[in-house]
Every structure is written in C-alpha cells, then in structure tokens.
Amino acid sequence: MAQTLSIANHNGCNFTREETEWPVFNGQEYCGHINLVAAWAVPAKVHESLELPNHIDLYLTPEGHWAAALEHAEHHLLHTKPPTEFLVKGASLSLFVPSGWAEDNGSPNTYSDYRVFQRSPGFWDAEKVEEAPPELVGAADYF
C-alpha cells in the first residue's frame, strides 16, 4: 500500500492526498508513486544541486529522484537508474524507511537531513547527516 506525505507547504496550507501523491504507470503496469514535498522538507543541498531557489516545492520518486516538475519525476522513475543514496529531511523519511526504523534509531527530527542508502534491492536504510562544526580560523592563536 502506498504511503502518503501529509505536511504543510511553505505557505502554511496543508496539502490534501490528491495534491501530494500521484501513481505512475508504464502502459498498464504500475511503477510507483510520486510525492510532492514542501520546500521546508527538502534538504538545502537538493535545491542547490538542481540550481533552484530553496522556496520551491519538489517532487520525489520512491527511488529517491528529486525533480522540479511532476513530468520530470515521472521520467526519472521510468527511465533513470535509482541512486545508491540521496538526502531527505526527517519530515519525509517515512516514505523510505520502515516504521520499525525509528525504534532502533530514534524518532527522526523533522528538520534534520538524513542520508538514505540502499542496503539491498528495495530496502532503504538511513542515517542522520551531522553538520560539520564551523572552522575556527586562527583559533590556535588563542590556546
């Protein structure tokens, strides 16, 4: 059964199911669904890699492809090899990891970035992306 993403968009309005998930078919064969992810739930590095402003909502395939348009996401899902890893925010992590993941790893932080990676075909795992501490230029001069 397909999962849906129920989050508020960047204007504070809630998306309905019809606005967040679309099934994709290749002829008569179901290939998966695509979710619309509100801008605040998209890691900043994703917007940067797509060369888009960070206030744009994006589409996410069940294989981890990000796209700025539904048609592009459909093309990725039908014609592009799945990435071996990709970034999501904790708000959309449940689209990829099983519900039991939180029991072993703690509830994901909505606003934190997570690296999702494939352990075996069709099975994703995740880990929190830790922010690198800022470099202290000249700090050695003080110690």
N, C-alpha and C. Protein backbone atom coordinates (compact mmCIF):
# COMPACT_ATOMS: atom_id res chain seq x y z
N MET A 1 0.84 -1.18 0.00
CA MET A 1 0.00 0.00 0.00
C MET A 1 0.88 1.24 0.00
N ALA A 2 0.55 2.19 -0.79
CA ALA A 2 1.35 3.40 -0.92
C ALA A 2 1.23 4.27 0.32
N GLN A 3 2.34 4.90 0.69
CA GLN A 3 2.32 5.82 1.81
C GLN A 3 2.09 7.23 1.27
N THR A 4 1.49 8.07 2.07
CA THR A 4 1.31 9.46 1.67
C THR A 4 2.07 10.36 2.63
N LEU A 5 2.35 11.52 2.15
CA LEU A 5 3.06 12.50 2.95
C LEU A 5 2.08 13.60 3.31
N SER A 6 1.84 13.81 4.57
CA SER A 6 0.89 14.83 5.00
C SER A 6 1.65 15.91 5.74
N ILE A 7 2.00 16.96 5.02
CA ILE A 7 2.78 18.04 5.61
C ILE A 7 2.21 19.38 5.14
N ALA A 8 2.56 20.40 5.86
CA ALA A 8 2.14 21.75 5.46
C ALA A 8 3.12 22.28 4.43
N ASN A 9 2.63 23.02 3.46
CA ASN A 9 3.56 23.61 2.49
C ASN A 9 4.17 24.88 3.07
N HIS A 10 5.03 25.52 2.29
CA HIS A 10 5.78 26.66 2.84
C HIS A 10 4.90 27.88 3.08
N ASN A 11 3.65 27.85 2.58
CA ASN A 11 2.73 28.96 2.87
C ASN A 11 1.84 28.65 4.07
N GLY A 12 2.05 27.51 4.71
CA GLY A 12 1.28 27.15 5.89
C GLY A 12 0.00 26.41 5.58
N CYS A 13 -0.30 26.16 4.30
CA CYS A 13 -1.51 25.43 3.93
C CYS A 13 -1.20 23.94 3.89
N ASN A 14 -2.18 23.12 4.22
CA ASN A 14 -1.99 21.68 4.17
C ASN A 14 -2.33 21.13 2.80
N PHE A 15 -1.50 20.21 2.29
CA PHE A 15 -1.80 19.53 1.05
C PHE A 15 -2.82 18.42 1.33
N THR A 16 -3.72 18.18 0.40
CA THR A 16 -4.60 17.01 0.50
C THR A 16 -3.88 15.83 -0.13
N ARG A 17 -4.41 14.62 0.05
CA ARG A 17 -3.79 13.44 -0.54
C ARG A 17 -3.66 13.61 -2.05
N GLU A 18 -4.69 14.15 -2.69
CA GLU A 18 -4.66 14.31 -4.14
C GLU A 18 -3.56 15.28 -4.58
N GLU A 19 -3.15 16.15 -3.69
CA GLU A 19 -2.11 17.13 -4.02
C GLU A 19 -0.71 16.64 -3.66
N THR A 20 -0.59 15.48 -3.00
CA THR A 20 0.73 15.04 -2.56
C THR A 20 1.19 13.75 -3.20
N GLU A 21 0.33 13.01 -3.87
CA GLU A 21 0.75 11.71 -4.37
C GLU A 21 0.08 11.38 -5.69
N TRP A 22 0.91 10.92 -6.66
CA TRP A 22 0.38 10.52 -7.96
C TRP A 22 0.93 9.16 -8.32
N PRO A 23 0.08 8.21 -8.76
CA PRO A 23 0.59 6.92 -9.25
C PRO A 23 1.17 7.09 -10.65
N VAL A 24 2.15 6.27 -10.98
CA VAL A 24 2.79 6.31 -12.30
C VAL A 24 2.66 4.94 -12.94
N PHE A 25 2.23 4.91 -14.20
CA PHE A 25 2.06 3.66 -14.93
C PHE A 25 2.91 3.69 -16.19
N ASN A 26 3.48 2.56 -16.52
CA ASN A 26 4.20 2.38 -17.78
C ASN A 26 3.34 1.44 -18.61
N GLY A 27 2.51 2.04 -19.47
CA GLY A 27 1.47 1.26 -20.14
C GLY A 27 0.42 0.93 -19.09
N GLN A 28 0.18 -0.34 -18.85
CA GLN A 28 -0.79 -0.77 -17.83
C GLN A 28 -0.11 -1.14 -16.51
N GLU A 29 1.23 -1.14 -16.48
CA GLU A 29 1.96 -1.59 -15.30
C GLU A 29 2.23 -0.45 -14.33
N TYR A 30 1.85 -0.66 -13.06
CA TYR A 30 2.09 0.33 -12.01
C TYR A 30 3.58 0.35 -11.68
N CYS A 31 4.19 1.52 -11.73
CA CYS A 31 5.63 1.65 -11.50
C CYS A 31 5.97 2.28 -10.15
N GLY A 32 5.01 2.87 -9.49
CA GLY A 32 5.27 3.55 -8.23
C GLY A 32 4.51 4.86 -8.18
N HIS A 33 4.73 5.60 -7.13
CA HIS A 33 4.02 6.87 -6.95
C HIS A 33 5.05 7.98 -6.74
N ILE A 34 4.60 9.18 -6.97
CA ILE A 34 5.45 10.36 -6.79
C ILE A 34 4.81 11.26 -5.76
N ASN A 35 5.60 11.74 -4.82
CA ASN A 35 5.10 12.64 -3.77
C ASN A 35 5.58 14.05 -4.00
N LEU A 36 4.70 15.00 -3.71
CA LEU A 36 5.09 16.40 -3.67
C LEU A 36 5.59 16.69 -2.25
N VAL A 37 6.78 17.25 -2.15
CA VAL A 37 7.38 17.53 -0.85
C VAL A 37 7.53 19.04 -0.70
N ALA A 38 6.97 19.59 0.37
CA ALA A 38 7.04 21.02 0.62
C ALA A 38 8.49 21.46 0.76
N ALA A 39 8.76 22.67 0.34
CA ALA A 39 10.13 23.18 0.29
C ALA A 39 10.86 23.03 1.61
N TRP A 40 10.17 23.28 2.73
CA TRP A 40 10.87 23.22 4.02
C TRP A 40 11.29 21.80 4.38
N ALA A 41 10.70 20.79 3.72
CA ALA A 41 11.05 19.40 4.00
C ALA A 41 12.04 18.84 2.99
N VAL A 42 12.62 19.70 2.15
CA VAL A 42 13.63 19.29 1.17
C VAL A 42 14.99 19.76 1.66
N PRO A 43 15.99 18.89 1.74
CA PRO A 43 17.32 19.35 2.16
C PRO A 43 17.84 20.45 1.24
N ALA A 44 18.52 21.42 1.81
CA ALA A 44 19.03 22.55 1.04
C ALA A 44 19.96 22.11 -0.08
N LYS A 45 20.73 21.06 0.15
CA LYS A 45 21.67 20.59 -0.87
C LYS A 45 20.95 20.10 -2.11
N VAL A 46 19.71 19.64 -1.96
CA VAL A 46 18.93 19.19 -3.12
C VAL A 46 18.58 20.38 -4.00
N HIS A 47 18.10 21.44 -3.38
CA HIS A 47 17.80 22.65 -4.16
C HIS A 47 19.06 23.16 -4.85
N GLU A 48 20.18 23.15 -4.13
CA GLU A 48 21.44 23.62 -4.71
C GLU A 48 21.84 22.78 -5.91
N SER A 49 21.73 21.45 -5.79
CA SER A 49 22.15 20.57 -6.88
C SER A 49 21.26 20.73 -8.11
N LEU A 50 19.99 21.09 -7.91
CA LEU A 50 19.08 21.32 -9.03
C LEU A 50 19.13 22.77 -9.50
N GLU A 51 19.96 23.59 -8.85
CA GLU A 51 20.10 25.01 -9.17
C GLU A 51 18.76 25.73 -9.12
N LEU A 52 18.04 25.48 -8.03
CA LEU A 52 16.73 26.08 -7.81
C LEU A 52 16.73 26.88 -6.52
N PRO A 53 15.89 27.91 -6.42
CA PRO A 53 15.75 28.61 -5.13
C PRO A 53 15.17 27.67 -4.09
N ASN A 54 15.53 27.90 -2.82
CA ASN A 54 15.15 26.94 -1.78
C ASN A 54 13.70 27.06 -1.31
N HIS A 55 12.88 27.90 -1.96
CA HIS A 55 11.47 28.00 -1.56
C HIS A 55 10.55 27.21 -2.49
N ILE A 56 11.14 26.42 -3.41
CA ILE A 56 10.37 25.68 -4.40
C ILE A 56 10.02 24.28 -3.86
N ASP A 57 8.73 23.91 -3.92
CA ASP A 57 8.32 22.55 -3.59
C ASP A 57 8.87 21.62 -4.67
N LEU A 58 9.27 20.40 -4.29
CA LEU A 58 9.83 19.46 -5.24
C LEU A 58 9.07 18.14 -5.23
N TYR A 59 9.27 17.36 -6.28
CA TYR A 59 8.66 16.04 -6.41
C TYR A 59 9.72 14.98 -6.11
N LEU A 60 9.31 13.92 -5.43
CA LEU A 60 10.21 12.87 -5.00
C LEU A 60 9.65 11.51 -5.40
N THR A 61 10.45 10.72 -6.12
CA THR A 61 10.01 9.37 -6.51
C THR A 61 10.33 8.39 -5.38
N PRO A 62 9.72 7.20 -5.41
CA PRO A 62 10.02 6.22 -4.36
C PRO A 62 11.43 5.65 -4.47
N GLU A 63 12.16 6.03 -5.50
CA GLU A 63 13.54 5.57 -5.64
C GLU A 63 14.54 6.68 -5.34
N GLY A 64 14.06 7.82 -4.85
CA GLY A 64 14.96 8.86 -4.41
C GLY A 64 15.34 9.91 -5.43
N HIS A 65 14.63 9.98 -6.54
CA HIS A 65 14.90 11.04 -7.51
C HIS A 65 14.12 12.29 -7.12
N TRP A 66 14.79 13.43 -7.13
CA TRP A 66 14.15 14.72 -6.89
C TRP A 66 13.95 15.42 -8.23
N ALA A 67 12.84 16.13 -8.39
CA ALA A 67 12.58 16.87 -9.63
C ALA A 67 11.74 18.10 -9.33
N ALA A 68 11.86 19.09 -10.20
CA ALA A 68 11.11 20.33 -10.01
C ALA A 68 9.72 20.27 -10.64
N ALA A 69 9.46 19.26 -11.47
CA ALA A 69 8.16 19.13 -12.13
C ALA A 69 7.73 17.67 -12.09
N LEU A 70 6.42 17.44 -12.03
CA LEU A 70 5.88 16.08 -11.98
C LEU A 70 6.33 15.29 -13.21
N GLU A 71 6.32 15.91 -14.38
CA GLU A 71 6.72 15.22 -15.60
C GLU A 71 8.17 14.76 -15.54
N HIS A 72 9.04 15.59 -14.94
CA HIS A 72 10.44 15.20 -14.81
C HIS A 72 10.58 14.03 -13.83
N ALA A 73 9.82 14.06 -12.75
CA ALA A 73 9.86 12.96 -11.79
C ALA A 73 9.39 11.66 -12.43
N GLU A 74 8.32 11.74 -13.25
CA GLU A 74 7.83 10.55 -13.95
C GLU A 74 8.91 10.00 -14.89
N HIS A 75 9.60 10.89 -15.58
CA HIS A 75 10.66 10.45 -16.49
C HIS A 75 11.76 9.74 -15.71
N HIS A 76 12.17 10.30 -14.57
CA HIS A 76 13.19 9.66 -13.73
C HIS A 76 12.75 8.27 -13.30
N LEU A 77 11.51 8.17 -12.86
CA LEU A 77 11.01 6.90 -12.34
C LEU A 77 10.98 5.83 -13.44
N LEU A 78 10.65 6.23 -14.65
CA LEU A 78 10.51 5.27 -15.75
C LEU A 78 11.83 4.98 -16.47
N HIS A 79 12.78 5.94 -16.45
CA HIS A 79 13.94 5.80 -17.32
C HIS A 79 15.29 5.96 -16.65
N THR A 80 15.34 6.22 -15.36
CA THR A 80 16.62 6.52 -14.71
C THR A 80 16.91 5.50 -13.62
N LYS A 81 18.14 5.06 -13.58
CA LYS A 81 18.55 4.11 -12.55
C LYS A 81 18.43 4.76 -11.17
N PRO A 82 17.95 4.02 -10.17
CA PRO A 82 17.85 4.60 -8.83
C PRO A 82 19.22 4.99 -8.29
N PRO A 83 19.28 6.11 -7.54
CA PRO A 83 20.55 6.47 -6.91
C PRO A 83 20.87 5.49 -5.79
N THR A 84 22.15 5.36 -5.46
CA THR A 84 22.52 4.48 -4.35
C THR A 84 22.31 5.16 -3.02
N GLU A 85 22.28 6.49 -3.03
CA GLU A 85 21.98 7.24 -1.81
C GLU A 85 21.45 8.62 -2.20
N PHE A 86 20.71 9.23 -1.29
CA PHE A 86 20.15 10.56 -1.54
C PHE A 86 19.79 11.17 -0.19
N LEU A 87 19.46 12.46 -0.19
CA LEU A 87 19.14 13.17 1.04
C LEU A 87 17.65 13.44 1.14
N VAL A 88 17.13 13.30 2.35
CA VAL A 88 15.76 13.73 2.67
C VAL A 88 15.78 14.40 4.03
N LYS A 89 14.75 15.17 4.32
CA LYS A 89 14.56 15.70 5.67
C LYS A 89 13.83 14.62 6.49
N GLY A 90 13.94 14.72 7.78
CA GLY A 90 13.23 13.80 8.65
C GLY A 90 11.73 13.78 8.39
N ALA A 91 11.18 14.91 7.92
CA ALA A 91 9.75 15.01 7.65
C ALA A 91 9.30 14.05 6.57
N SER A 92 10.18 13.69 5.64
CA SER A 92 9.80 12.79 4.56
C SER A 92 10.51 11.44 4.62
N LEU A 93 11.23 11.19 5.71
CA LEU A 93 11.99 9.95 5.85
C LEU A 93 11.09 8.72 5.86
N SER A 94 9.88 8.86 6.39
CA SER A 94 8.97 7.70 6.49
C SER A 94 8.56 7.16 5.13
N LEU A 95 8.80 7.92 4.06
CA LEU A 95 8.50 7.42 2.72
C LEU A 95 9.46 6.31 2.31
N PHE A 96 10.59 6.19 3.00
CA PHE A 96 11.62 5.25 2.57
C PHE A 96 11.96 4.18 3.60
N VAL A 97 12.06 4.54 4.85
CA VAL A 97 12.46 3.55 5.86
C VAL A 97 11.22 2.94 6.50
N PRO A 98 11.30 1.67 6.92
CA PRO A 98 10.14 1.03 7.55
C PRO A 98 9.83 1.66 8.90
N SER A 99 8.62 1.47 9.36
CA SER A 99 8.19 2.10 10.62
C SER A 99 9.05 1.67 11.79
N GLY A 100 9.59 0.46 11.77
CA GLY A 100 10.43 -0.02 12.86
C GLY A 100 11.78 0.66 12.93
N TRP A 101 12.15 1.41 11.89
CA TRP A 101 13.44 2.10 11.87
C TRP A 101 13.56 3.03 13.06
N ALA A 102 12.50 3.75 13.39
CA ALA A 102 12.53 4.72 14.49
C ALA A 102 12.78 4.04 15.84
N GLU A 103 12.33 2.80 15.99
CA GLU A 103 12.54 2.09 17.26
C GLU A 103 14.03 1.87 17.51
N ASP A 104 14.78 1.62 16.45
CA ASP A 104 16.22 1.38 16.60
C ASP A 104 17.05 2.66 16.55
N ASN A 105 16.53 3.68 15.89
CA ASN A 105 17.32 4.87 15.64
C ASN A 105 16.78 6.15 16.27
N GLY A 106 15.64 6.06 16.93
CA GLY A 106 15.01 7.24 17.50
C GLY A 106 14.17 7.96 16.46
N SER A 107 13.18 8.68 16.94
CA SER A 107 12.30 9.39 16.02
C SER A 107 13.09 10.43 15.23
N PRO A 108 12.90 10.47 13.91
CA PRO A 108 13.66 11.45 13.13
C PRO A 108 13.23 12.88 13.44
N ASN A 109 14.20 13.77 13.45
CA ASN A 109 13.92 15.19 13.63
C ASN A 109 13.37 15.72 12.31
N THR A 110 12.22 16.35 12.35
CA THR A 110 11.55 16.85 11.15
C THR A 110 12.46 17.69 10.27
N TYR A 111 13.29 18.53 10.88
CA TYR A 111 14.08 19.49 10.13
C TYR A 111 15.51 19.06 9.85
N SER A 112 15.91 17.89 10.33
CA SER A 112 17.27 17.41 10.11
C SER A 112 17.38 16.68 8.78
N ASP A 113 18.59 16.72 8.20
CA ASP A 113 18.85 15.98 6.97
C ASP A 113 19.25 14.55 7.30
N TYR A 114 18.79 13.62 6.47
CA TYR A 114 19.14 12.21 6.61
C TYR A 114 19.64 11.69 5.27
N ARG A 115 20.69 10.91 5.32
CA ARG A 115 21.19 10.22 4.13
C ARG A 115 20.48 8.89 4.05
N VAL A 116 19.78 8.65 2.96
CA VAL A 116 19.09 7.39 2.73
C VAL A 116 19.94 6.58 1.76
N PHE A 117 20.19 5.33 2.09
CA PHE A 117 21.04 4.50 1.22
C PHE A 117 20.44 3.10 1.13
N GLN A 118 20.80 2.39 0.07
CA GLN A 118 20.22 1.09 -0.19
C GLN A 118 21.08 -0.01 0.42
N ARG A 119 20.48 -0.80 1.32
CA ARG A 119 21.18 -1.94 1.92
C ARG A 119 21.11 -3.16 1.01
N SER A 120 19.94 -3.37 0.40
CA SER A 120 19.72 -4.44 -0.57
C SER A 120 18.62 -3.96 -1.50
N PRO A 121 18.44 -4.59 -2.66
CA PRO A 121 17.42 -4.10 -3.60
C PRO A 121 16.05 -3.92 -2.94
N GLY A 122 15.54 -2.72 -3.04
CA GLY A 122 14.21 -2.43 -2.49
C GLY A 122 14.19 -2.12 -1.01
N PHE A 123 15.33 -2.19 -0.31
CA PHE A 123 15.35 -1.92 1.12
C PHE A 123 16.28 -0.76 1.42
N TRP A 124 15.71 0.34 1.93
CA TRP A 124 16.48 1.54 2.24
C TRP A 124 16.76 1.63 3.74
N ASP A 125 17.89 2.16 4.08
CA ASP A 125 18.24 2.47 5.47
C ASP A 125 18.63 3.94 5.49
N ALA A 126 18.81 4.50 6.68
CA ALA A 126 19.10 5.93 6.76
C ALA A 126 19.99 6.23 7.95
N GLU A 127 20.67 7.36 7.86
CA GLU A 127 21.46 7.87 8.98
C GLU A 127 21.39 9.38 8.96
N LYS A 128 21.43 9.97 10.14
CA LYS A 128 21.37 11.42 10.25
C LYS A 128 22.66 12.03 9.73
N VAL A 129 22.53 13.11 8.98
CA VAL A 129 23.70 13.83 8.48
C VAL A 129 24.09 14.84 9.54
N GLU A 130 25.25 14.63 10.10
CA GLU A 130 25.73 15.54 11.14
C GLU A 130 26.36 16.77 10.49
N GLU A 131 26.00 17.92 10.99
CA GLU A 131 26.60 19.16 10.48
C GLU A 131 28.05 19.24 10.93
N ALA A 132 28.91 19.59 10.00
CA ALA A 132 30.32 19.78 10.35
C ALA A 132 30.46 21.06 11.17
N PRO A 133 31.24 21.03 12.25
CA PRO A 133 31.42 22.25 13.04
C PRO A 133 32.13 23.31 12.21
N PRO A 134 31.81 24.58 12.45
CA PRO A 134 32.49 25.63 11.67
C PRO A 134 33.98 25.65 11.99
N GLU A 135 34.75 25.94 10.95
CA GLU A 135 36.20 26.00 11.16
C GLU A 135 36.54 27.25 11.96
N LEU A 136 37.44 27.07 12.90
CA LEU A 136 37.86 28.20 13.73
C LEU A 136 39.19 28.72 13.18
N VAL A 137 39.11 29.65 12.29
CA VAL A 137 40.30 30.21 11.69
C VAL A 137 41.06 31.02 12.73
N GLY A 138 42.30 30.68 12.91
CA GLY A 138 43.12 31.39 13.88
C GLY A 138 42.89 31.00 15.32
N ALA A 139 42.11 29.96 15.56
CA ALA A 139 41.80 29.55 16.93
C ALA A 139 43.05 29.13 17.67
N ALA A 140 44.02 28.56 16.94
CA ALA A 140 45.25 28.10 17.59
C ALA A 140 46.00 29.24 18.26
N ASP A 141 45.78 30.45 17.77
CA ASP A 141 46.46 31.61 18.35
C ASP A 141 46.00 31.90 19.77
N TYR A 142 44.83 31.37 20.13
CA TYR A 142 44.27 31.69 21.45
C TYR A 142 44.57 30.62 22.48
N PHE A 143 45.20 29.53 22.08
CA PHE A 143 45.44 28.42 23.04
C PHE A 143 46.92 28.18 23.22
